[in-house]
Protein backbone atom coordinates (compact mmCIF):
# COMPACT_ATOMS: atom_id res chain seq x y z
CA MET A 1 -1.46 44.65 -4.50
CA GLU A 2 -2.34 41.24 -3.18
CA LEU A 3 0.23 38.54 -3.64
CA ARG A 4 -1.23 35.12 -4.32
CA PRO A 5 1.03 32.13 -4.63
CA THR A 6 0.68 30.20 -7.82
CA ILE A 7 0.41 26.47 -7.55
CA ASP A 8 1.68 24.44 -10.43
CA ARG A 9 -0.70 22.09 -12.29
CA VAL A 10 1.57 19.13 -11.57
CA GLN A 11 1.51 19.87 -7.85
CA LEU A 12 -2.27 20.19 -7.86
CA THR A 13 -2.66 16.95 -9.77
CA TYR A 14 -0.35 15.10 -7.38
CA ALA A 15 -2.13 16.55 -4.35
CA ARG A 16 -5.58 15.71 -5.70
CA TRP A 17 -4.60 12.11 -6.48
CA LEU A 18 -2.87 11.75 -3.11
CA ASP A 19 -5.95 13.10 -1.33
CA TRP A 20 -8.34 10.74 -3.09
CA GLY A 21 -5.97 7.79 -2.87
CA THR A 22 -5.53 8.13 0.87
CA ARG A 23 -9.26 8.60 1.38
CA LEU A 24 -10.05 5.48 -0.62
CA GLY A 25 -7.28 3.62 1.18
CA LEU A 26 -8.70 4.59 4.56
CA VAL A 27 -12.18 3.45 3.54
CA ALA A 28 -10.69 0.15 2.32
CA LEU A 29 -8.81 -0.30 5.60
CA ILE A 30 -11.91 0.34 7.69
CA GLY A 31 -14.06 -1.91 5.49
CA ALA A 32 -11.54 -4.76 5.55
CA PHE A 33 -11.10 -4.46 9.31
CA LEU A 34 -14.86 -4.51 9.93
CA ALA A 35 -15.30 -7.49 7.61
CA TYR A 36 -12.59 -9.31 9.55
CA VAL A 37 -13.73 -8.41 13.07
CA PHE A 38 -17.38 -9.18 12.37
CA GLN A 39 -16.32 -12.30 10.48
CA LEU A 40 -18.23 -11.34 7.35
CA ILE A 41 -15.50 -13.03 5.33
CA GLU A 42 -13.84 -16.25 6.47
CA ALA A 43 -10.32 -15.68 7.81
CA PHE A 44 -7.32 -17.88 7.06
CA VAL A 45 -6.36 -17.87 10.74
CA PRO A 46 -9.54 -18.04 12.84
CA LEU A 47 -9.97 -14.99 15.04
CA ALA A 48 -10.61 -17.19 18.09
CA ARG A 49 -7.13 -18.77 17.83
CA LEU A 50 -5.17 -15.51 17.72
CA PRO A 51 -5.07 -14.73 21.48
CA ALA A 52 -3.36 -18.06 22.19
CA TRP A 53 -0.72 -17.40 19.51
CA TRP A 54 0.00 -13.68 20.07
CA GLY A 55 2.87 -14.22 22.48
CA LEU A 56 4.66 -16.85 20.43
CA PRO A 57 7.93 -16.24 18.60
CA ALA A 58 7.38 -15.56 14.91
CA ASP A 59 8.76 -18.90 13.71
CA ARG A 60 6.48 -20.82 16.09
CA TYR A 61 3.44 -18.75 15.04
CA LEU A 62 4.22 -19.40 11.37
CA ALA A 63 4.53 -23.13 12.01
CA LEU A 64 1.26 -23.38 13.95
CA SER A 65 -0.84 -21.15 11.74
CA GLY A 66 0.53 -22.15 8.36
CA VAL A 67 0.47 -18.55 7.16
CA PRO A 68 2.67 -17.76 4.17
CA THR A 69 5.58 -15.34 4.25
CA GLY A 70 6.70 -12.72 1.77
CA TRP A 71 4.29 -12.08 -1.10
CA ALA A 72 2.89 -15.61 -0.89
CA TRP A 73 -0.10 -14.15 0.98
CA LEU A 74 -1.48 -12.57 -2.21
CA PRO A 75 -3.60 -15.59 -3.27
CA LEU A 76 -5.26 -15.38 0.18
CA ALA A 77 -6.44 -11.80 -0.34
CA ASP A 78 -10.04 -13.01 -0.41
CA ARG A 79 -9.76 -14.09 3.24
CA GLY A 80 -10.84 -11.73 6.00
CA ASP A 81 -7.44 -11.42 7.68
CA TYR A 82 -5.55 -10.94 4.41
CA LEU A 83 -8.05 -8.49 3.00
CA SER A 84 -6.73 -5.99 5.54
CA LEU A 85 -3.20 -6.63 4.32
CA LEU A 86 -4.36 -6.00 0.77
CA ALA A 87 -5.86 -2.67 1.88
CA VAL A 88 -2.58 -1.70 3.57
CA THR A 89 -0.69 -2.60 0.40
CA ALA A 90 -3.07 -0.51 -1.72
CA LEU A 91 -2.63 2.43 0.64
CA ALA A 92 1.15 2.06 0.48
CA MET A 93 1.03 2.15 -3.32
CA VAL A 94 -0.84 5.48 -3.50
CA THR A 95 2.44 7.37 -3.83
CA VAL A 96 3.47 5.21 -6.79
CA VAL A 97 0.12 5.87 -8.48
CA CYS A 98 0.55 9.61 -7.91
CA TYR A 99 4.00 9.56 -9.50
CA LEU A 100 2.67 7.53 -12.43
CA ARG A 101 -0.01 10.18 -12.89
CA ILE A 102 2.38 13.15 -12.99
CA LEU A 103 5.08 11.45 -15.04
CA PRO A 104 3.41 12.20 -18.41
CA LEU A 105 2.68 15.78 -17.26
CA HIS A 106 6.38 16.42 -16.67
CA TRP A 107 7.29 14.69 -19.92
CA GLY A 108 4.71 16.64 -21.89
CA ARG A 109 6.05 19.95 -20.56
CA GLY A 110 9.57 19.02 -21.58
CA GLU A 111 10.70 18.60 -17.97
CA ARG A 112 12.80 15.54 -18.68
CA LEU A 113 14.79 15.74 -15.41
CA HIS A 114 11.60 15.90 -13.31
CA ALA A 115 10.17 13.00 -15.31
CA ALA A 116 13.37 11.00 -14.76
CA ILE A 117 13.28 11.70 -11.01
CA ALA A 118 9.63 10.64 -10.80
CA LEU A 119 10.43 7.46 -12.74
CA ALA A 120 13.39 6.73 -10.46
CA GLN A 121 11.16 7.14 -7.40
CA ILE A 122 8.63 4.73 -8.90
CA VAL A 123 11.35 2.16 -9.57
CA VAL A 124 12.79 2.45 -6.04
CA LEU A 125 9.39 2.21 -4.35
CA VAL A 126 8.29 -0.79 -6.42
CA ALA A 127 11.66 -2.53 -5.90
CA ALA A 128 11.44 -1.93 -2.14
CA ALA A 129 7.86 -3.22 -1.99
CA SER A 130 8.76 -6.30 -4.01
CA GLY A 131 11.45 -7.33 -1.56
CA LEU A 132 14.23 -7.18 -4.17
CA ILE A 133 16.31 -4.92 -1.96
CA ALA A 134 15.33 -6.39 1.39
CA GLY A 135 18.08 -6.84 3.93
CA ARG A 136 18.89 -10.35 5.02
CA ALA A 137 19.73 -11.25 8.60
């Protein structure tokens, strides 16, 4: 008798969404990087200026470049340098999307504890990404 492990539908769904999400995220990262390096999209900070500013302390770089901090970069997502940051953010949110996808599956099967755990993970990840629970120096 051959023993074959059974894989739960929820696990398969999560794995499939994670696989596609990371693949799409990687394609977005590569595309955004190429658009930036080949200057297909205008950057907020010109690529030619970066080498002179790389060695500066962060506060000096921020003052010279005028780049925003925190989530204030979001309106600049159409710029070449910030498009890469948008792709990184999308890739980081793949786990949240996966949990959102399996949440109704757990709920529909009556697995309230699993649904609550998935919801709690979503809340923690979104709160962490938002900066609500960021440490202050």
